[in-house]
Amino acid sequence: MILFKSFQYNKLFALCGFLLITCSAKAETIYELDFTTATGEVRGWFETINWEFREDVDEMNLRFEDGKLVIEPTSDKLGVLMRDFDKKDYLHGVTKIRIEWGVDQYPLGADWSGPANKTRNTREAVSFMIFFGESKLDSGFFLAPDLPYFISFFLGKDEKPDEVYLGNYWQKGGRYLCIPCDGTSEKTYVTEIDLSAKFFELFAKQPLPISALGIEVDVQKTDKVNGRHSKAYIKRVELF
């Protein structure tokens, strides 16, 4: 009888723990971009959630297709989608990011290898950028705007998942990570990172609140194949 009661209590505690974890998980979603049910014109969809089109993103052949935001540039341009938060709307307490995305064609000619003090053709079919805080750091080039600390996650063909990459500019506060980065095309990846721990690892300081988010496509100086420079997609982005 005592053993039976102990078993019942254990089951009860386990059930309570499961319910607590389930409720907590639902409450922990701080920001989400969900394209799995998105329809209609892309610019209008993003404008309703206060995102802006910048650079040549209009020429990136953006569309919602099969539960994805598809990005398929046919010219070698740079395109950016940005969400700048007002200070009162900064995202506080984000500890993890999860992205479901993939690349059907990588930009031919992209090359992140080599020393950071040499100009490289640092291009990507898609990247998701997270900006921290409001203090802007020197870009290293007078024509490039100064930016806050940022981490840019991207999918690459020949890059390494354990490498921390620097761009040609923003080397003081910008870091580029290719995760999981096995170079396979036409495959949906899940990039899941402990964001607060990664920020501390990269910059040796406690993470600042998130002040902006961005989706970037940069296929400048890459070659066209199959009538396009790249093709990528995003299904969902979640910040916990």
Protein backbone atom coordinates (compact mmCIF):
# COMPACT_ATOMS: atom_id res chain seq x y z
CA MET A 1 0.00 0.00 0.00
CA ILE A 2 2.81 2.43 0.92
CA LEU A 3 4.57 1.60 -2.35
CA PHE A 4 1.32 2.17 -4.26
CA LYS A 5 0.79 5.58 -2.59
CA SER A 6 4.38 6.55 -3.30
CA PHE A 7 3.86 5.63 -6.95
CA GLN A 8 0.69 7.74 -7.08
CA TYR A 9 2.46 10.75 -5.53
CA ASN A 10 5.32 10.40 -7.98
CA LYS A 11 2.88 10.37 -10.86
CA LEU A 12 1.12 13.42 -9.45
CA PHE A 13 4.37 15.35 -9.02
CA ALA A 14 5.47 14.38 -12.53
CA LEU A 15 2.14 15.54 -13.97
CA CYS A 16 2.36 18.85 -12.10
CA GLY A 17 5.91 19.32 -13.32
CA PHE A 18 4.89 18.60 -16.89
CA LEU A 19 2.01 21.09 -16.70
CA LEU A 20 4.29 23.72 -15.20
CA ILE A 21 6.90 23.24 -17.92
CA THR A 22 4.23 23.32 -20.62
CA CYS A 23 2.70 26.54 -19.32
CA SER A 24 6.14 28.11 -18.88
CA ALA A 25 7.16 27.17 -22.43
CA LYS A 26 4.11 28.87 -23.84
CA ALA A 27 4.77 31.99 -21.76
CA GLU A 28 8.42 32.20 -22.78
CA THR A 29 7.88 33.13 -26.43
CA ILE A 30 8.92 36.79 -26.53
CA TYR A 31 8.86 37.41 -30.28
CA GLU A 32 7.91 35.31 -33.31
CA LEU A 33 7.88 35.51 -37.09
CA ASP A 34 5.68 32.73 -38.44
CA PHE A 35 5.50 32.38 -42.21
CA THR A 36 3.82 28.97 -42.21
CA THR A 37 0.39 30.59 -42.60
CA ALA A 38 1.42 33.91 -44.20
CA THR A 39 -0.35 34.92 -47.40
CA GLY A 40 -0.77 37.94 -49.61
CA GLU A 41 1.66 40.63 -50.68
CA VAL A 42 4.94 40.43 -48.76
CA ARG A 43 5.62 44.15 -48.30
CA GLY A 44 2.16 44.77 -46.88
CA TRP A 45 2.47 41.77 -44.55
CA PHE A 46 5.72 43.06 -43.09
CA GLU A 47 4.55 46.66 -42.84
CA THR A 48 1.62 45.60 -40.65
CA ILE A 49 4.16 44.32 -38.07
CA ASN A 50 6.40 47.42 -38.39
CA TRP A 51 9.17 45.95 -40.52
CA GLU A 52 10.81 48.10 -43.22
CA PHE A 53 12.15 47.28 -46.69
CA ARG A 54 15.68 48.64 -47.18
CA GLU A 55 18.35 48.61 -49.85
CA ASP A 56 17.29 46.53 -52.89
CA VAL A 57 15.09 44.03 -51.07
CA ASP A 58 12.25 44.83 -53.50
CA GLU A 59 14.34 43.09 -56.17
CA MET A 60 14.77 39.89 -54.17
CA ASN A 61 11.64 38.21 -55.56
CA LEU A 62 10.11 37.80 -52.12
CA ARG A 63 6.98 35.68 -51.88
CA PHE A 64 5.02 33.44 -49.54
CA GLU A 65 4.99 29.91 -50.88
CA ASP A 66 4.25 26.54 -49.25
CA GLY A 67 4.38 27.97 -45.74
CA LYS A 68 7.67 29.80 -46.31
CA LEU A 69 9.06 33.25 -47.00
CA VAL A 70 10.99 32.57 -50.21
CA ILE A 71 13.89 34.83 -51.26
CA GLU A 72 15.20 34.41 -54.82
CA PRO A 73 17.30 37.32 -56.13
CA THR A 74 17.89 37.42 -59.88
CA SER A 75 20.41 40.26 -59.70
CA ASP A 76 23.54 40.65 -57.58
CA LYS A 77 22.16 43.05 -55.00
CA LEU A 78 21.90 43.59 -51.24
CA GLY A 79 18.48 43.46 -49.61
CA VAL A 80 17.48 44.06 -45.99
CA LEU A 81 14.28 43.74 -43.99
CA MET A 82 14.51 45.57 -40.65
CA ARG A 83 12.52 45.92 -37.46
CA ASP A 84 13.85 48.75 -35.29
CA PHE A 85 12.23 48.78 -31.85
CA ASP A 86 11.46 51.94 -29.92
CA LYS A 87 13.37 51.91 -26.64
CA LYS A 88 10.21 51.17 -24.68
CA ASP A 89 9.65 48.09 -26.87
CA TYR A 90 13.16 46.60 -26.61
CA LEU A 91 13.07 42.84 -26.11
CA HIS A 92 14.34 42.00 -22.64
CA GLY A 93 15.20 38.62 -21.23
CA VAL A 94 15.64 36.74 -24.52
CA THR A 95 17.80 33.69 -23.87
CA LYS A 96 17.29 31.50 -26.95
CA ILE A 97 16.65 31.77 -30.68
CA ARG A 98 15.19 29.10 -32.95
CA ILE A 99 15.07 29.44 -36.75
CA GLU A 100 13.58 27.00 -39.27
CA TRP A 101 15.03 27.77 -42.69
CA GLY A 102 16.93 26.42 -45.68
CA VAL A 103 18.81 27.20 -48.88
CA ASP A 104 17.92 25.72 -52.26
CA GLN A 105 20.82 27.45 -54.02
CA TYR A 106 23.88 29.04 -52.42
CA PRO A 107 25.42 32.15 -54.04
CA LEU A 108 28.31 31.08 -56.27
CA GLY A 109 31.39 33.07 -55.37
CA ALA A 110 30.63 33.69 -51.70
CA ASP A 111 33.79 33.25 -49.65
CA TRP A 112 34.17 33.92 -45.92
CA SER A 113 37.61 32.32 -45.66
CA GLY A 114 40.87 34.15 -45.14
CA PRO A 115 42.15 36.68 -42.63
CA ALA A 116 39.74 39.30 -41.32
CA ASN A 117 42.07 42.13 -42.31
CA LYS A 118 41.67 41.21 -45.98
CA THR A 119 38.61 42.04 -48.07
CA ARG A 120 36.59 38.89 -48.76
CA ASN A 121 33.41 38.22 -50.69
CA THR A 122 31.31 37.74 -47.54
CA ARG A 123 27.90 36.95 -49.04
CA GLU A 124 24.90 34.88 -47.97
CA ALA A 125 21.63 33.60 -49.40
CA VAL A 126 19.92 34.51 -46.13
CA SER A 127 20.90 35.71 -42.67
CA PHE A 128 19.01 36.66 -39.54
CA MET A 129 20.52 39.51 -37.56
CA ILE A 130 19.96 40.43 -33.92
CA PHE A 131 21.07 43.84 -32.64
CA PHE A 132 21.79 44.48 -28.95
CA GLY A 133 21.53 47.77 -27.11
CA GLU A 134 21.63 51.27 -28.56
CA SER A 135 25.27 52.35 -28.35
CA LYS A 136 26.76 52.28 -31.84
CA LEU A 137 30.27 51.06 -32.56
CA ASP A 138 32.57 52.25 -35.31
CA SER A 139 31.93 50.40 -38.58
CA GLY A 140 35.54 50.72 -39.72
CA PHE A 141 34.57 52.41 -42.99
CA PHE A 142 33.32 55.96 -43.40
CA LEU A 143 30.58 54.98 -45.88
CA ALA A 144 29.21 52.18 -43.69
CA PRO A 145 26.90 53.25 -40.83
CA ASP A 146 27.95 52.61 -37.25
CA LEU A 147 25.85 49.85 -35.65
CA PRO A 148 25.20 48.40 -32.18
CA TYR A 149 26.51 44.98 -31.21
CA PHE A 150 24.99 42.31 -33.44
CA ILE A 151 25.07 38.60 -34.14
CA SER A 152 24.21 37.47 -37.66
CA PHE A 153 23.21 33.84 -38.20
CA PHE A 154 23.51 32.57 -41.77
CA LEU A 155 23.58 29.37 -43.79
CA GLY A 156 26.66 28.80 -45.93
CA LYS A 157 27.94 26.16 -48.29
CA ASP A 158 31.65 26.04 -47.48
CA GLU A 159 31.81 27.66 -44.05
CA LYS A 160 32.39 25.91 -40.71
CA PRO A 161 29.84 25.64 -37.90
CA ASP A 162 32.45 26.12 -35.16
CA GLU A 163 33.97 29.25 -36.72
CA VAL A 164 33.26 32.82 -35.61
CA TYR A 165 33.39 34.97 -38.74
CA LEU A 166 34.06 38.68 -39.05
CA GLY A 167 32.71 40.75 -41.90
CA ASN A 168 34.72 43.27 -43.86
CA TYR A 169 33.17 46.01 -41.69
CA TRP A 170 31.66 46.21 -38.16
CA GLN A 171 34.44 44.05 -36.74
CA LYS A 172 34.24 45.68 -33.30
CA GLY A 173 30.65 44.70 -32.64
CA GLY A 174 29.54 42.27 -35.36
CA ARG A 175 29.89 38.48 -35.40
CA TYR A 176 28.68 36.04 -38.06
CA LEU A 177 27.86 32.42 -37.25
CA CYS A 178 27.00 29.69 -39.75
CA ILE A 179 24.88 27.17 -37.83
CA PRO A 180 24.40 24.21 -38.46
CA CYS A 181 26.20 24.83 -41.75
CA ASP A 182 26.75 21.49 -43.50
CA GLY A 183 26.27 23.03 -46.95
CA THR A 184 23.37 20.83 -47.99
CA SER A 185 20.77 22.43 -50.23
CA GLU A 186 17.02 21.79 -50.38
CA LYS A 187 16.96 20.82 -46.71
CA THR A 188 15.19 22.51 -43.81
CA TYR A 189 17.58 23.30 -40.96
CA VAL A 190 16.80 24.19 -37.39
CA THR A 191 19.23 26.72 -35.93
CA GLU A 192 18.80 26.75 -32.14
CA ILE A 193 21.20 28.73 -29.98
CA ASP A 194 21.47 29.82 -26.36
CA LEU A 195 21.59 33.48 -27.30
CA SER A 196 22.56 34.95 -23.92
CA ALA A 197 25.44 32.49 -23.49
CA LYS A 198 26.61 33.07 -27.06
CA PHE A 199 26.60 36.86 -26.60
CA PHE A 200 28.72 36.51 -23.45
CA GLU A 201 31.08 34.12 -25.25
CA LEU A 202 31.52 36.48 -28.21
CA PHE A 203 31.72 39.84 -26.44
CA ALA A 204 32.68 38.98 -22.82
CA LYS A 205 29.78 40.94 -21.38
CA GLN A 206 26.23 40.34 -20.25
CA PRO A 207 23.69 40.50 -23.08
CA LEU A 208 21.98 43.81 -23.73
CA PRO A 209 18.29 44.11 -24.63
CA ILE A 210 17.45 43.46 -28.27
CA SER A 211 16.96 46.75 -30.08
CA ALA A 212 16.46 45.55 -33.67
CA LEU A 213 16.03 42.49 -35.86
CA GLY A 214 16.94 42.03 -39.51
CA ILE A 215 16.75 39.63 -42.42
CA GLU A 216 19.55 40.19 -44.92
CA VAL A 217 20.32 38.79 -48.35
CA ASP A 218 23.66 39.74 -49.89
CA VAL A 219 24.57 38.23 -53.25
CA GLN A 220 26.74 41.07 -54.56
CA LYS A 221 29.63 39.99 -56.76
CA THR A 222 28.31 36.43 -57.09
CA ASP A 223 27.53 34.51 -60.27
CA LYS A 224 24.09 33.76 -61.63
CA VAL A 225 23.12 30.09 -61.95
CA ASN A 226 19.73 28.79 -63.11
CA GLY A 227 18.65 32.38 -63.76
CA ARG A 228 19.21 33.48 -60.16
CA HIS A 229 21.97 34.28 -57.67
CA SER A 230 20.52 32.27 -54.80
CA LYS A 231 17.33 30.86 -53.40
CA ALA A 232 16.52 30.55 -49.69
CA TYR A 233 13.55 30.44 -47.37
CA ILE A 234 12.48 30.93 -43.78
CA LYS A 235 9.60 29.10 -42.13
CA ARG A 236 9.66 30.48 -38.62
CA VAL A 237 11.80 32.51 -36.21
CA GLU A 238 11.20 32.34 -32.46
CA LEU A 239 12.85 34.24 -29.63
CA PHE A 240 12.37 32.75 -26.16
